Amino acid sequence: MAYLRVKRIKSGRYLYIQKSERKGGRMTTTILEYLGNADKVSPARLRKAIEYWGVTTRAKRKAKGGR
């Protein structure tokens, strides 16, 4: 399942779309797409990336019966 991650590096905030998967008993994360500086990402690009990778909100995941 893909999720949106906001990572802080120094004074900037950067957006990544990542997924977690289990490989050999360990959890690993894979960066699916780097979106860039959170202040400079256009809403249209963010919406398109979220739709493409199937990112859902926590509320939707809980409604489905997830953790």
PDB file of N, CA and C in Angstrom:
ATOM      1  N   MET A   1       0.832  -1.166   0.000  1.00  0.00           N
ATOM      2  CA  MET A   1       0.000   0.000   0.000  1.00  0.00           C
ATOM      3  C   MET A   1       0.890   1.247   0.000  1.00  0.00           C
ATOM      4  N   ALA A   2       0.569   2.159  -0.845  1.00  0.00           N
ATOM      5  CA  ALA A   2       1.351   3.391  -0.981  1.00  0.00           C
ATOM      6  C   ALA A   2       0.838   4.449  -0.005  1.00  0.00           C
ATOM      7  N   TYR A   3       1.748   5.319   0.416  1.00  0.00           N
ATOM      8  CA  TYR A   3       1.377   6.407   1.302  1.00  0.00           C
ATOM      9  C   TYR A   3       2.216   7.633   0.981  1.00  0.00           C
ATOM     10  N   LEU A   4       1.722   8.777   1.393  1.00  0.00           N
ATOM     11  CA  LEU A   4       2.403  10.051   1.182  1.00  0.00           C
ATOM     12  C   LEU A   4       3.255  10.343   2.405  1.00  0.00           C
ATOM     13  N   ARG A   5       4.523  10.640   2.192  1.00  0.00           N
ATOM     14  CA  ARG A   5       5.435  10.943   3.293  1.00  0.00           C
ATOM     15  C   ARG A   5       5.966  12.354   3.135  1.00  0.00           C
ATOM     16  N   VAL A   6       5.916  13.099   4.226  1.00  0.00           N
ATOM     17  CA  VAL A   6       6.495  14.437   4.271  1.00  0.00           C
ATOM     18  C   VAL A   6       7.765  14.318   5.086  1.00  0.00           C
ATOM     19  N   LYS A   7       8.888  14.602   4.458  1.00  0.00           N
ATOM     20  CA  LYS A   7      10.182  14.480   5.126  1.00  0.00           C
ATOM     21  C   LYS A   7      10.776  15.868   5.305  1.00  0.00           C
ATOM     22  N   ARG A   8      11.221  16.155   6.526  1.00  0.00           N
ATOM     23  CA  ARG A   8      11.837  17.452   6.807  1.00  0.00           C
ATOM     24  C   ARG A   8      13.353  17.316   6.705  1.00  0.00           C
ATOM     25  N   ILE A   9      13.950  18.144   5.884  1.00  0.00           N
ATOM     26  CA  ILE A   9      15.396  18.190   5.742  1.00  0.00           C
ATOM     27  C   ILE A   9      15.795  19.649   5.917  1.00  0.00           C
ATOM     28  N   LYS A  10      16.543  19.897   6.980  1.00  0.00           N
ATOM     29  CA  LYS A  10      16.904  21.257   7.397  1.00  0.00           C
ATOM     30  C   LYS A  10      15.632  22.079   7.563  1.00  0.00           C
ATOM     31  N   SER A  11      15.435  23.128   6.800  1.00  0.00           N
ATOM     32  CA  SER A  11      14.244  23.958   6.975  1.00  0.00           C
ATOM     33  C   SER A  11      13.168  23.655   5.927  1.00  0.00           C
ATOM     34  N   GLY A  12      13.419  22.708   5.033  1.00  0.00           N
ATOM     35  CA  GLY A  12      12.465  22.403   3.977  1.00  0.00           C
ATOM     36  C   GLY A  12      11.640  21.162   4.246  1.00  0.00           C
ATOM     37  N   ARG A  13      10.493  21.076   3.593  1.00  0.00           N
ATOM     38  CA  ARG A  13       9.638  19.895   3.663  1.00  0.00           C
ATOM     39  C   ARG A  13       9.511  19.333   2.247  1.00  0.00           C
ATOM     40  N   TYR A  14       9.730  18.039   2.097  1.00  0.00           N
ATOM     41  CA  TYR A  14       9.734  17.399   0.795  1.00  0.00           C
ATOM     42  C   TYR A  14       8.734  16.257   0.782  1.00  0.00           C
ATOM     43  N   LEU A  15       8.067  16.069  -0.341  1.00  0.00           N
ATOM     44  CA  LEU A  15       7.026  15.052  -0.463  1.00  0.00           C
ATOM     45  C   LEU A  15       7.528  13.849  -1.257  1.00  0.00           C
ATOM     46  N   TYR A  16       7.228  12.679  -0.734  1.00  0.00           N
ATOM     47  CA  TYR A  16       7.555  11.416  -1.388  1.00  0.00           C
ATOM     48  C   TYR A  16       6.322  10.527  -1.345  1.00  0.00           C
ATOM     49  N   ILE A  17       6.155   9.713  -2.359  1.00  0.00           N
ATOM     50  CA  ILE A  17       5.169   8.641  -2.295  1.00  0.00           C
ATOM     51  C   ILE A  17       5.972   7.367  -2.128  1.00  0.00           C
ATOM     52  N   GLN A  18       5.679   6.638  -1.034  1.00  0.00           N
ATOM     53  CA  GLN A  18       6.432   5.443  -0.694  1.00  0.00           C
ATOM     54  C   GLN A  18       5.486   4.264  -0.499  1.00  0.00           C
ATOM     55  N   LYS A  19       6.078   3.069  -0.495  1.00  0.00           N
ATOM     56  CA  LYS A  19       5.318   1.888  -0.115  1.00  0.00           C
ATOM     57  C   LYS A  19       6.206   1.033   0.780  1.00  0.00           C
ATOM     58  N   SER A  20       5.580   0.285   1.658  1.00  0.00           N
ATOM     59  CA  SER A  20       6.288  -0.624   2.554  1.00  0.00           C
ATOM     60  C   SER A  20       5.943  -2.045   2.149  1.00  0.00           C
ATOM     61  N   GLU A  21       6.941  -2.894   2.179  1.00  0.00           N
ATOM     62  CA  GLU A  21       6.695  -4.299   1.884  1.00  0.00           C
ATOM     63  C   GLU A  21       7.656  -5.157   2.694  1.00  0.00           C
ATOM     64  N   ARG A  22       7.256  -6.364   2.946  1.00  0.00           N
ATOM     65  CA  ARG A  22       8.057  -7.283   3.728  1.00  0.00           C
ATOM     66  C   ARG A  22       8.912  -8.128   2.791  1.00  0.00           C
ATOM     67  N   LYS A  23      10.221  -8.125   3.034  1.00  0.00           N
ATOM     68  CA  LYS A  23      11.159  -8.926   2.245  1.00  0.00           C
ATOM     69  C   LYS A  23      12.012  -9.733   3.212  1.00  0.00           C
ATOM     70  N   GLY A  24      11.851 -11.038   3.205  1.00  0.00           N
ATOM     71  CA  GLY A  24      12.665 -11.897   4.052  1.00  0.00           C
ATOM     72  C   GLY A  24      12.520 -11.617   5.538  1.00  0.00           C
ATOM     73  N   GLY A  25      11.329 -11.307   5.986  1.00  0.00           N
ATOM     74  CA  GLY A  25      11.110 -11.044   7.394  1.00  0.00           C
ATOM     75  C   GLY A  25      11.399  -9.622   7.831  1.00  0.00           C
ATOM     76  N   ARG A  26      11.831  -8.780   6.931  1.00  0.00           N
ATOM     77  CA  ARG A  26      12.133  -7.379   7.261  1.00  0.00           C
ATOM     78  C   ARG A  26      11.209  -6.463   6.472  1.00  0.00           C
ATOM     79  N   MET A  27      10.887  -5.323   7.070  1.00  0.00           N
ATOM     80  CA  MET A  27      10.098  -4.318   6.373  1.00  0.00           C
ATOM     81  C   MET A  27      11.056  -3.381   5.640  1.00  0.00           C
ATOM     82  N   THR A  28      10.782  -3.164   4.376  1.00  0.00           N
ATOM     83  CA  THR A  28      11.581  -2.221   3.603  1.00  0.00           C
ATOM     84  C   THR A  28      10.646  -1.199   2.970  1.00  0.00           C
ATOM     85  N   THR A  29      11.152   0.011   2.784  1.00  0.00           N
ATOM     86  CA  THR A  29      10.367   1.041   2.109  1.00  0.00           C
ATOM     87  C   THR A  29      10.986   1.304   0.747  1.00  0.00           C
ATOM     88  N   THR A  30      10.132   1.569  -0.197  1.00  0.00           N
ATOM     89  CA  THR A  30      10.552   1.877  -1.554  1.00  0.00           C
ATOM     90  C   THR A  30       9.947   3.209  -1.950  1.00  0.00           C
ATOM     91  N   ILE A  31      10.765   4.118  -2.455  1.00  0.00           N
ATOM     92  CA  ILE A  31      10.255   5.401  -2.937  1.00  0.00           C
ATOM     93  C   ILE A  31       9.702   5.186  -4.336  1.00  0.00           C
ATOM     94  N   LEU A  32       8.417   5.450  -4.488  1.00  0.00           N
ATOM     95  CA  LEU A  32       7.769   5.294  -5.785  1.00  0.00           C
ATOM     96  C   LEU A  32       7.890   6.563  -6.626  1.00  0.00           C
ATOM     97  N   GLU A  33       7.775   7.712  -5.960  1.00  0.00           N
ATOM     98  CA  GLU A  33       7.868   8.980  -6.690  1.00  0.00           C
ATOM     99  C   GLU A  33       8.307  10.094  -5.750  1.00  0.00           C
ATOM    100  N   TYR A  34       9.220  10.918  -6.216  1.00  0.00           N
ATOM    101  CA  TYR A  34       9.659  12.109  -5.485  1.00  0.00           C
ATOM    102  C   TYR A  34       8.909  13.286  -6.083  1.00  0.00           C
ATOM    103  N   LEU A  35       8.181  14.021  -5.238  1.00  0.00           N
ATOM    104  CA  LEU A  35       7.372  15.126  -5.731  1.00  0.00           C
ATOM    105  C   LEU A  35       8.044  16.485  -5.573  1.00  0.00           C
ATOM    106  N   GLY A  36       9.051  16.584  -4.716  1.00  0.00           N
ATOM    107  CA  GLY A  36       9.781  17.832  -4.568  1.00  0.00           C
ATOM    108  C   GLY A  36       9.393  18.595  -3.324  1.00  0.00           C
ATOM    109  N   ASN A  37       9.770  19.858  -3.302  1.00  0.00           N
ATOM    110  CA  ASN A  37       9.508  20.731  -2.174  1.00  0.00           C
ATOM    111  C   ASN A  37       8.000  20.884  -1.983  1.00  0.00           C
ATOM    112  N   ALA A  38       7.532  20.705  -0.747  1.00  0.00           N
ATOM    113  CA  ALA A  38       6.095  20.736  -0.467  1.00  0.00           C
ATOM    114  C   ALA A  38       5.472  22.085  -0.808  1.00  0.00           C
ATOM    115  N   ASP A  39       6.233  23.164  -0.690  1.00  0.00           N
ATOM    116  CA  ASP A  39       5.702  24.489  -0.978  1.00  0.00           C
ATOM    117  C   ASP A  39       5.562  24.748  -2.476  1.00  0.00           C
ATOM    118  N   LYS A  40       6.314  24.025  -3.283  1.00  0.00           N
ATOM    119  CA  LYS A  40       6.337  24.290  -4.721  1.00  0.00           C
ATOM    120  C   LYS A  40       5.581  23.266  -5.564  1.00  0.00           C
ATOM    121  N   VAL A  41       5.052  22.211  -4.957  1.00  0.00           N
ATOM    122  CA  VAL A  41       4.321  21.192  -5.707  1.00  0.00           C
ATOM    123  C   VAL A  41       2.941  21.726  -6.046  1.00  0.00           C
ATOM    124  N   SER A  42       2.582  21.648  -7.319  1.00  0.00           N
ATOM    125  CA  SER A  42       1.263  22.132  -7.717  1.00  0.00           C
ATOM    126  C   SER A  42       0.200  21.126  -7.264  1.00  0.00           C
ATOM    127  N   PRO A  43      -0.961  21.616  -6.870  1.00  0.00           N
ATOM    128  CA  PRO A  43      -2.028  20.717  -6.424  1.00  0.00           C
ATOM    129  C   PRO A  43      -2.444  19.711  -7.495  1.00  0.00           C
ATOM    130  N   ALA A  44      -2.377  20.125  -8.759  1.00  0.00           N
ATOM    131  CA  ALA A  44      -2.751  19.212  -9.844  1.00  0.00           C
ATOM    132  C   ALA A  44      -1.768  18.044  -9.935  1.00  0.00           C
ATOM    133  N   ARG A  45      -0.485  18.319  -9.790  1.00  0.00           N
ATOM    134  CA  ARG A  45       0.524  17.248  -9.852  1.00  0.00           C
ATOM    135  C   ARG A  45       0.377  16.306  -8.658  1.00  0.00           C
ATOM    136  N   LEU A  46       0.147  16.870  -7.484  1.00  0.00           N
ATOM    137  CA  LEU A  46      -0.035  16.058  -6.287  1.00  0.00           C
ATOM    138  C   LEU A  46      -1.265  15.160  -6.425  1.00  0.00           C
ATOM    139  N   ARG A  47      -2.360  15.717  -6.891  1.00  0.00           N
ATOM    140  CA  ARG A  47      -3.595  14.951  -7.077  1.00  0.00           C
ATOM    141  C   ARG A  47      -3.402  13.826  -8.087  1.00  0.00           C
ATOM    142  N   LYS A  48      -2.697  14.129  -9.171  1.00  0.00           N
ATOM    143  CA  LYS A  48      -2.444  13.133 -10.214  1.00  0.00           C
ATOM    144  C   LYS A  48      -1.583  11.981  -9.686  1.00  0.00           C
ATOM    145  N   ALA A  49      -0.547  12.303  -8.909  1.00  0.00           N
ATOM    146  CA  ALA A  49       0.334  11.279  -8.349  1.00  0.00           C
ATOM    147  C   ALA A  49      -0.403  10.419  -7.329  1.00  0.00           C
ATOM    148  N   ILE A  50      -1.215  11.037  -6.489  1.00  0.00           N
ATOM    149  CA  ILE A  50      -1.984  10.289  -5.484  1.00  0.00           C
ATOM    150  C   ILE A  50      -2.957   9.335  -6.163  1.00  0.00           C
ATOM    151  N   GLU A  51      -3.598   9.796  -7.217  1.00  0.00           N
ATOM    152  CA  GLU A  51      -4.539   8.944  -7.944  1.00  0.00           C
ATOM    153  C   GLU A  51      -3.812   7.800  -8.657  1.00  0.00           C
ATOM    154  N   TYR A  52      -2.677   8.078  -9.267  1.00  0.00           N
ATOM    155  CA  TYR A  52      -1.923   7.070 -10.008  1.00  0.00           C
ATOM    156  C   TYR A  52      -1.434   5.945  -9.097  1.00  0.00           C
ATOM    157  N   TRP A  53      -0.876   6.308  -7.935  1.00  0.00           N
ATOM    158  CA  TRP A  53      -0.305   5.303  -7.033  1.00  0.00           C
ATOM    159  C   TRP A  53      -1.328   4.708  -6.080  1.00  0.00           C
ATOM    160  N   GLY A  54      -2.547   5.221  -6.061  1.00  0.00           N
ATOM    161  CA  GLY A  54      -3.591   4.664  -5.206  1.00  0.00           C
ATOM    162  C   GLY A  54      -3.400   4.972  -3.732  1.00  0.00           C
ATOM    163  N   VAL A  55      -2.919   6.166  -3.435  1.00  0.00           N
ATOM    164  CA  VAL A  55      -2.709   6.572  -2.044  1.00  0.00           C
ATOM    165  C   VAL A  55      -4.070   6.866  -1.427  1.00  0.00           C
ATOM    166  N   THR A  56      -4.302   6.322  -0.220  1.00  0.00           N
ATOM    167  CA  THR A  56      -5.554   6.573   0.486  1.00  0.00           C
ATOM    168  C   THR A  56      -5.250   7.244   1.815  1.00  0.00           C
ATOM    169  N   THR A  57      -6.270   7.834   2.402  1.00  0.00           N
ATOM    170  CA  THR A  57      -6.109   8.470   3.705  1.00  0.00           C
ATOM    171  C   THR A  57      -6.285   7.432   4.803  1.00  0.00           C
ATOM    172  N   ARG A  58      -5.838   7.755   5.984  1.00  0.00           N
ATOM    173  CA  ARG A  58      -5.987   6.839   7.113  1.00  0.00           C
ATOM    174  C   ARG A  58      -7.456   6.567   7.405  1.00  0.00           C
ATOM    175  N   ALA A  59      -8.294   7.586   7.258  1.00  0.00           N
ATOM    176  CA  ALA A  59      -9.723   7.420   7.532  1.00  0.00           C
ATOM    177  C   ALA A  59     -10.339   6.374   6.590  1.00  0.00           C
ATOM    178  N   LYS A  60      -9.951   6.405   5.318  1.00  0.00           N
ATOM    179  CA  LYS A  60     -10.486   5.430   4.366  1.00  0.00           C
ATOM    180  C   LYS A  60      -9.987   4.030   4.675  1.00  0.00           C
ATOM    181  N   ARG A  61      -8.704   3.912   5.100  1.00  0.00           N
ATOM    182  CA  ARG A  61      -8.154   2.601   5.439  1.00  0.00           C
ATOM    183  C   ARG A  61      -8.870   2.035   6.674  1.00  0.00           C
ATOM    184  N   LYS A  62      -9.158   2.873   7.676  1.00  0.00           N
ATOM    185  CA  LYS A  62      -9.851   2.409   8.869  1.00  0.00           C
ATOM    186  C   LYS A  62     -11.273   1.977   8.539  1.00  0.00           C
ATOM    187  N   ALA A  63     -11.923   2.704   7.632  1.00  0.00           N
ATOM    188  CA  ALA A  63     -13.298   2.361   7.254  1.00  0.00           C
ATOM    189  C   ALA A  63     -13.353   0.999   6.558  1.00  0.00           C
ATOM    190  N   LYS A  64     -12.278   0.638   5.848  1.00  0.00           N
ATOM    191  CA  LYS A  64     -12.234  -0.652   5.170  1.00  0.00           C
ATOM    192  C   LYS A  64     -12.007  -1.802   6.150  1.00  0.00           C
ATOM    193  N   GLY A  65     -11.592  -1.489   7.364  1.00  0.00           N
ATOM    194  CA  GLY A  65     -11.353  -2.522   8.353  1.00  0.00           C
ATOM    195  C   GLY A  65      -9.881  -2.808   8.587  1.00  0.00           C
ATOM    196  N   GLY A  66      -9.027  -1.909   8.145  1.00  0.00           N
ATOM    197  CA  GLY A  66      -7.590  -2.067   8.364  1.00  0.00           C
ATOM    198  C   GLY A  66      -7.234  -1.727   9.793  1.00  0.00           C
ATOM    199  N   ARG A  67      -5.973  -1.634  10.064  1.00  0.00           N
ATOM    200  CA  ARG A  67      -5.514  -1.339  11.419  1.00  0.00           C
ATOM    201  C   ARG A  67      -5.966  -0.006  11.897  1.00  0.00           C
TER     202      ARG A  67
END
